[in-house]
Amino acid sequence: LYRVDAQGKGEIFFEAKQRHLLSMALGKDGTIYLGTSTDGVVYRVDAEGKGFVLYDAPQADVQTLLLDEAGNLYAGTGTPDRPNFPMPSALHWSPTRTIGALALSIVLAPPLAPVADAPAPAPAPAMRAAPRSNVAGAGENSVFRIAVDGQVDEIFREKCLVLSLGLQEGRLLIGTGLEGRLYAVDPRTRIRQSLARLASGQVQAMHASPDGAIALGTGTPGQLWKVDPRYSARGVMES
C-alpha cells in the first residue's frame, strides 16, 4: 500500500505478506482496512502503518470491503473454490423491482411469487427457507460482518463471486458475478431479497441514492444500469 503526498512523492506505507491487496476501506479515525489474497486475510492498519490481522476468511480472496456508520466492517469474498466453513444462512426472495438499463436490453428476475432456492420442510416459516448445510461447497462465497468488538458473523452465502457492497436504508446490497445478480440482505436477520439479474455478468461497483435508486457498474460487458425503487406494473411468470 503506497501513500502519496500532495507533491506527488510516494512511499510504501504498509506491506502485507500476501500476493495481492484487492480491496480497501477507510474508517472515520483514519484506520485503513485491507482485503487480500491468496489467504483471504483482512488487515487493520493504523495511522503509523502498523498492520494487524483482523480476520482470516475461509476463502482465498476478499474482493470488497464496506464500513457502516456504526463501525461494522463487511467483507465479501470472491473465490471460485476453497470450501469448508460453518454458518447456516436464511434467505428470502421477493418480487424484483423495475430495472432501467442505460445500455442494451433489460433482463428481469421472475417478478411475481417469492421463491426460495432450496425447498423448505413443511410447515415452513413464512419468511425463511430451510437452513443450509454448515459446510460450504466449492465455489460458494460469503459476506462476513466484523463487529466493532471483533465478533464475526456470516450474513450471506451463495455460489457466486461477491464483487461489490453497498448500504441503503439499513439493508446491505450485494453485487455478484458470474450471473450479474443484485441482492439485498437484512444484516440482523440474514433474510435476503433478489432485486435484479442483469445481462452483464459482474456487478463490480454500485452507488445507492437517497431516493432509493441504485446505480450499478458492470463488467463483461461494461455497462451502467439503474435499478428503480418502484415495482413494475406488469410482469410475466414462467412455469
Protein backbone atom coordinates (compact mmCIF):
# COMPACT_ATOMS: atom_id res chain seq x y z
CA LEU A 1 0.00 0.00 0.00
CA TYR A 2 1.51 3.31 -1.12
CA ARG A 3 0.96 6.75 0.38
CA VAL A 4 1.37 9.68 -2.00
CA ASP A 5 1.70 13.23 -0.61
CA ALA A 6 0.42 16.46 -2.13
CA GLN A 7 3.66 16.93 -4.07
CA GLY A 8 3.27 13.53 -5.72
CA LYS A 9 6.01 11.79 -3.74
CA GLY A 10 5.12 8.19 -2.99
CA GLU A 11 6.36 5.78 -0.36
CA ILE A 12 5.39 2.33 0.87
CA PHE A 13 3.00 2.79 3.79
CA PHE A 14 2.20 -0.86 4.51
CA GLU A 15 3.34 -4.17 3.06
CA ALA A 16 1.41 -7.40 3.65
CA LYS A 17 2.71 -10.93 3.31
CA GLN A 18 0.05 -11.61 0.70
CA ARG A 19 0.13 -11.76 -3.08
CA HIS A 20 -2.49 -9.05 -3.72
CA LEU A 21 -4.27 -6.20 -1.96
CA LEU A 22 -7.74 -6.43 -3.53
CA SER A 23 -9.93 -4.05 -1.52
CA MET A 24 -9.72 -1.14 0.90
CA ALA A 25 -11.98 0.77 3.28
CA LEU A 26 -11.20 3.89 5.33
CA GLY A 27 -12.52 4.45 8.86
CA LYS A 28 -13.50 7.82 10.31
CA ASP A 29 -10.47 7.74 12.61
CA GLY A 30 -8.07 7.16 9.73
CA THR A 31 -7.81 3.41 10.21
CA ILE A 32 -7.35 1.56 6.92
CA TYR A 33 -8.84 -1.88 6.28
CA LEU A 34 -7.41 -4.08 3.53
CA GLY A 35 -8.72 -7.26 1.91
CA THR A 36 -6.15 -9.59 0.38
CA SER A 37 -5.38 -12.80 -1.47
CA THR A 38 -4.19 -15.54 -1.51
CA ASP A 39 -5.06 -16.30 2.10
CA GLY A 40 -8.21 -14.15 2.43
CA VAL A 41 -6.79 -12.01 5.22
CA VAL A 42 -8.42 -8.74 6.36
CA TYR A 43 -5.90 -6.30 7.84
CA ARG A 44 -6.43 -3.28 10.07
CA VAL A 45 -3.69 -0.68 9.51
CA ASP A 46 -3.24 2.21 11.95
CA ALA A 47 -2.02 5.75 11.24
CA GLU A 48 1.59 4.68 11.72
CA GLY A 49 1.36 1.97 9.05
CA LYS A 50 1.32 -0.93 11.51
CA GLY A 51 -0.92 -3.77 10.36
CA PHE A 52 -2.86 -6.30 12.40
CA VAL A 53 -4.80 -9.32 11.17
CA LEU A 54 -8.45 -8.59 11.84
CA TYR A 55 -9.92 -11.72 10.22
CA ASP A 56 -8.76 -14.69 8.16
CA ALA A 57 -11.59 -15.70 5.81
CA PRO A 58 -12.12 -19.32 4.72
CA GLN A 59 -11.98 -18.26 1.07
CA ALA A 60 -8.81 -17.04 -0.62
CA ASP A 61 -9.91 -13.64 -1.99
CA VAL A 62 -11.51 -10.75 -0.09
CA GLN A 63 -12.80 -8.81 -3.08
CA THR A 64 -14.71 -5.97 -1.38
CA LEU A 65 -14.91 -4.15 1.96
CA LEU A 66 -17.50 -1.74 3.35
CA LEU A 67 -17.82 0.15 6.67
CA ASP A 68 -21.18 1.23 8.06
CA GLU A 69 -21.87 4.24 10.27
CA ALA A 70 -21.55 2.17 13.45
CA GLY A 71 -18.07 0.96 12.50
CA ASN A 72 -19.04 -2.58 11.50
CA LEU A 73 -16.92 -3.89 8.64
CA TYR A 74 -18.43 -6.04 5.87
CA ALA A 75 -16.08 -8.27 3.88
CA GLY A 76 -17.17 -10.01 0.69
CA THR A 77 -15.23 -12.92 -0.77
CA GLY A 78 -14.93 -13.89 -4.41
CA THR A 79 -13.03 -17.15 -4.85
CA PRO A 80 -14.01 -19.88 -7.36
CA ASP A 81 -13.23 -22.59 -4.79
CA ARG A 82 -11.94 -23.21 -1.26
CA PRO A 83 -14.80 -24.69 0.75
CA ASN A 84 -15.47 -25.70 4.37
CA PHE A 85 -16.61 -23.02 6.74
CA PRO A 86 -19.56 -23.08 9.17
CA MET A 87 -22.71 -20.97 9.48
CA PRO A 88 -26.22 -21.65 8.19
CA SER A 89 -27.91 -18.77 6.43
CA ALA A 90 -31.58 -17.94 5.95
CA LEU A 91 -32.88 -16.49 2.74
CA HIS A 92 -35.91 -14.90 1.21
CA TRP A 93 -36.73 -13.95 -2.35
CA SER A 94 -39.04 -11.08 -3.22
CA PRO A 95 -40.60 -9.70 -6.42
CA THR A 96 -38.00 -7.94 -8.50
CA ARG A 97 -38.07 -4.20 -8.98
CA THR A 98 -38.16 -2.23 -12.22
CA ILE A 99 -34.77 -2.04 -13.91
CA GLY A 100 -34.00 0.79 -16.31
CA ALA A 101 -30.94 -0.03 -18.43
CA LEU A 102 -28.76 2.73 -19.80
CA ALA A 103 -27.24 0.30 -22.31
CA LEU A 104 -28.65 -2.57 -24.35
CA SER A 105 -31.50 -4.72 -23.11
CA ILE A 106 -33.22 -5.40 -19.78
CA VAL A 107 -33.25 -8.80 -18.08
CA LEU A 108 -35.58 -9.28 -15.13
CA ALA A 109 -35.64 -11.93 -12.46
CA PRO A 110 -39.03 -13.71 -12.06
CA PRO A 111 -41.24 -10.82 -10.86
CA LEU A 112 -44.09 -12.47 -9.02
CA ALA A 113 -44.24 -15.21 -6.37
CA PRO A 114 -41.45 -15.42 -3.77
CA VAL A 115 -39.18 -18.36 -4.49
CA ALA A 116 -36.53 -19.95 -2.25
CA ASP A 117 -33.52 -21.58 -3.87
CA ALA A 118 -33.90 -24.68 -1.67
CA PRO A 119 -37.14 -26.49 -0.76
CA ALA A 120 -38.28 -25.79 2.79
CA PRO A 121 -39.64 -28.53 5.06
CA ALA A 122 -43.35 -28.43 5.80
CA PRO A 123 -44.59 -26.47 7.57
CA ALA A 124 -42.13 -23.76 6.53
CA PRO A 125 -41.77 -20.36 8.22
CA ALA A 126 -43.39 -17.58 6.26
CA MET A 127 -40.22 -15.58 5.68
CA ARG A 128 -37.43 -18.15 5.82
CA ALA A 129 -36.26 -21.13 3.80
CA ALA A 130 -34.64 -24.26 5.19
CA PRO A 131 -31.16 -23.64 6.63
CA ARG A 132 -28.28 -24.75 4.50
CA SER A 133 -25.53 -27.14 5.40
CA ASN A 134 -22.91 -25.91 7.86
CA VAL A 135 -20.18 -26.73 5.33
CA ALA A 136 -19.91 -24.62 2.19
CA GLY A 137 -19.31 -26.22 -1.17
CA ALA A 138 -16.75 -25.35 -3.81
CA GLY A 139 -17.44 -22.02 -5.46
CA GLU A 140 -19.55 -20.67 -2.61
CA ASN A 141 -18.62 -17.24 -1.27
CA SER A 142 -19.81 -15.13 1.63
CA VAL A 143 -20.23 -11.75 3.20
CA PHE A 144 -18.93 -11.54 6.76
CA ARG A 145 -19.82 -8.82 9.26
CA ILE A 146 -16.93 -7.96 11.57
CA ALA A 147 -18.37 -6.03 14.51
CA VAL A 148 -16.53 -3.32 16.42
CA ASP A 149 -15.90 -5.77 19.27
CA GLY A 150 -14.32 -8.25 16.83
CA GLN A 151 -17.22 -10.71 16.58
CA VAL A 152 -17.57 -12.20 13.09
CA ASP A 153 -20.89 -13.38 11.60
CA GLU A 154 -21.60 -14.76 8.15
CA ILE A 155 -24.69 -12.97 6.86
CA PHE A 156 -24.72 -14.15 3.23
CA ARG A 157 -23.54 -17.21 1.31
CA GLU A 158 -24.13 -18.14 -2.29
CA LYS A 159 -22.44 -19.92 -5.18
CA CYS A 160 -21.22 -16.73 -6.80
CA LEU A 161 -18.46 -14.13 -6.56
CA VAL A 162 -19.16 -11.23 -4.18
CA LEU A 163 -17.73 -8.24 -6.06
CA SER A 164 -19.32 -5.10 -4.56
CA LEU A 165 -21.20 -3.94 -1.46
CA GLY A 166 -23.47 -1.01 -0.61
CA LEU A 167 -25.83 0.21 2.11
CA GLN A 168 -29.35 1.55 1.71
CA GLU A 169 -31.98 2.10 4.43
CA GLY A 170 -30.39 -0.37 6.83
CA ARG A 171 -30.01 -3.19 4.32
CA LEU A 172 -26.82 -4.46 2.77
CA LEU A 173 -26.66 -4.51 -1.04
CA ILE A 174 -24.53 -7.25 -2.59
CA GLY A 175 -23.38 -7.24 -6.21
CA THR A 176 -22.23 -10.59 -7.57
CA GLY A 177 -20.86 -12.49 -10.56
CA LEU A 178 -20.90 -14.57 -12.64
CA GLU A 179 -24.64 -14.16 -13.27
CA GLY A 180 -24.86 -10.44 -12.53
CA ARG A 181 -27.22 -10.62 -9.56
CA LEU A 182 -28.03 -7.90 -7.06
CA TYR A 183 -29.17 -8.96 -3.58
CA ALA A 184 -30.40 -7.05 -0.53
CA VAL A 185 -29.81 -8.58 2.90
CA ASP A 186 -31.00 -7.57 6.37
CA PRO A 187 -27.80 -7.91 8.45
CA ARG A 188 -29.76 -8.67 11.63
CA THR A 189 -32.00 -11.48 10.34
CA ARG A 190 -29.98 -12.61 7.26
CA ILE A 191 -33.23 -12.55 5.28
CA ARG A 192 -32.44 -11.61 1.71
CA GLN A 193 -34.12 -10.43 -1.46
CA SER A 194 -33.09 -10.92 -5.05
CA LEU A 195 -33.51 -7.45 -6.54
CA ALA A 196 -32.25 -7.96 -10.08
CA ARG A 197 -30.47 -10.19 -12.54
CA LEU A 198 -28.61 -8.28 -15.23
CA ALA A 199 -27.46 -9.21 -18.69
CA SER A 200 -23.93 -8.24 -17.64
CA GLY A 201 -22.13 -10.95 -15.74
CA GLN A 202 -20.38 -8.99 -12.97
CA VAL A 203 -21.72 -6.24 -10.68
CA GLN A 204 -18.39 -4.60 -9.94
CA ALA A 205 -19.48 -1.25 -8.45
CA MET A 206 -22.61 0.38 -7.05
CA HIS A 207 -23.97 3.60 -5.64
CA ALA A 208 -27.18 3.76 -3.60
CA SER A 209 -29.00 7.09 -3.93
CA PRO A 210 -31.10 8.69 -1.16
CA ASP A 211 -34.20 8.44 -3.39
CA GLY A 212 -33.98 4.63 -3.38
CA ALA A 213 -32.43 4.18 -6.81
CA ILE A 214 -29.28 2.08 -7.21
CA ALA A 215 -26.67 2.69 -9.90
CA LEU A 216 -24.64 -0.35 -10.93
CA GLY A 217 -21.40 -0.56 -12.88
CA THR A 218 -20.94 -3.97 -14.51
CA GLY A 219 -18.35 -5.93 -16.41
CA THR A 220 -18.43 -8.48 -19.24
CA PRO A 221 -19.77 -6.37 -20.89
CA GLY A 222 -19.10 -2.98 -19.28
CA GLN A 223 -22.43 -1.21 -18.75
CA LEU A 224 -24.12 1.27 -16.45
CA TRP A 225 -27.50 0.25 -15.02
CA LYS A 226 -30.10 1.91 -12.81
CA VAL A 227 -32.38 -0.08 -10.51
CA ASP A 228 -35.51 1.99 -9.93
CA PRO A 229 -37.12 1.95 -6.44
CA ARG A 230 -40.59 1.40 -7.91
CA TYR A 231 -42.08 -2.02 -8.60
CA SER A 232 -43.02 -2.85 -12.18
CA ALA A 233 -46.71 -2.50 -13.01
CA ARG A 234 -46.72 -5.67 -15.11
CA GLY A 235 -44.78 -8.91 -15.17
CA VAL A 236 -44.55 -12.38 -16.63
CA MET A 237 -44.46 -15.65 -14.69
CA GLU A 238 -42.79 -18.65 -16.32
CA SER A 239 -43.63 -22.14 -15.10
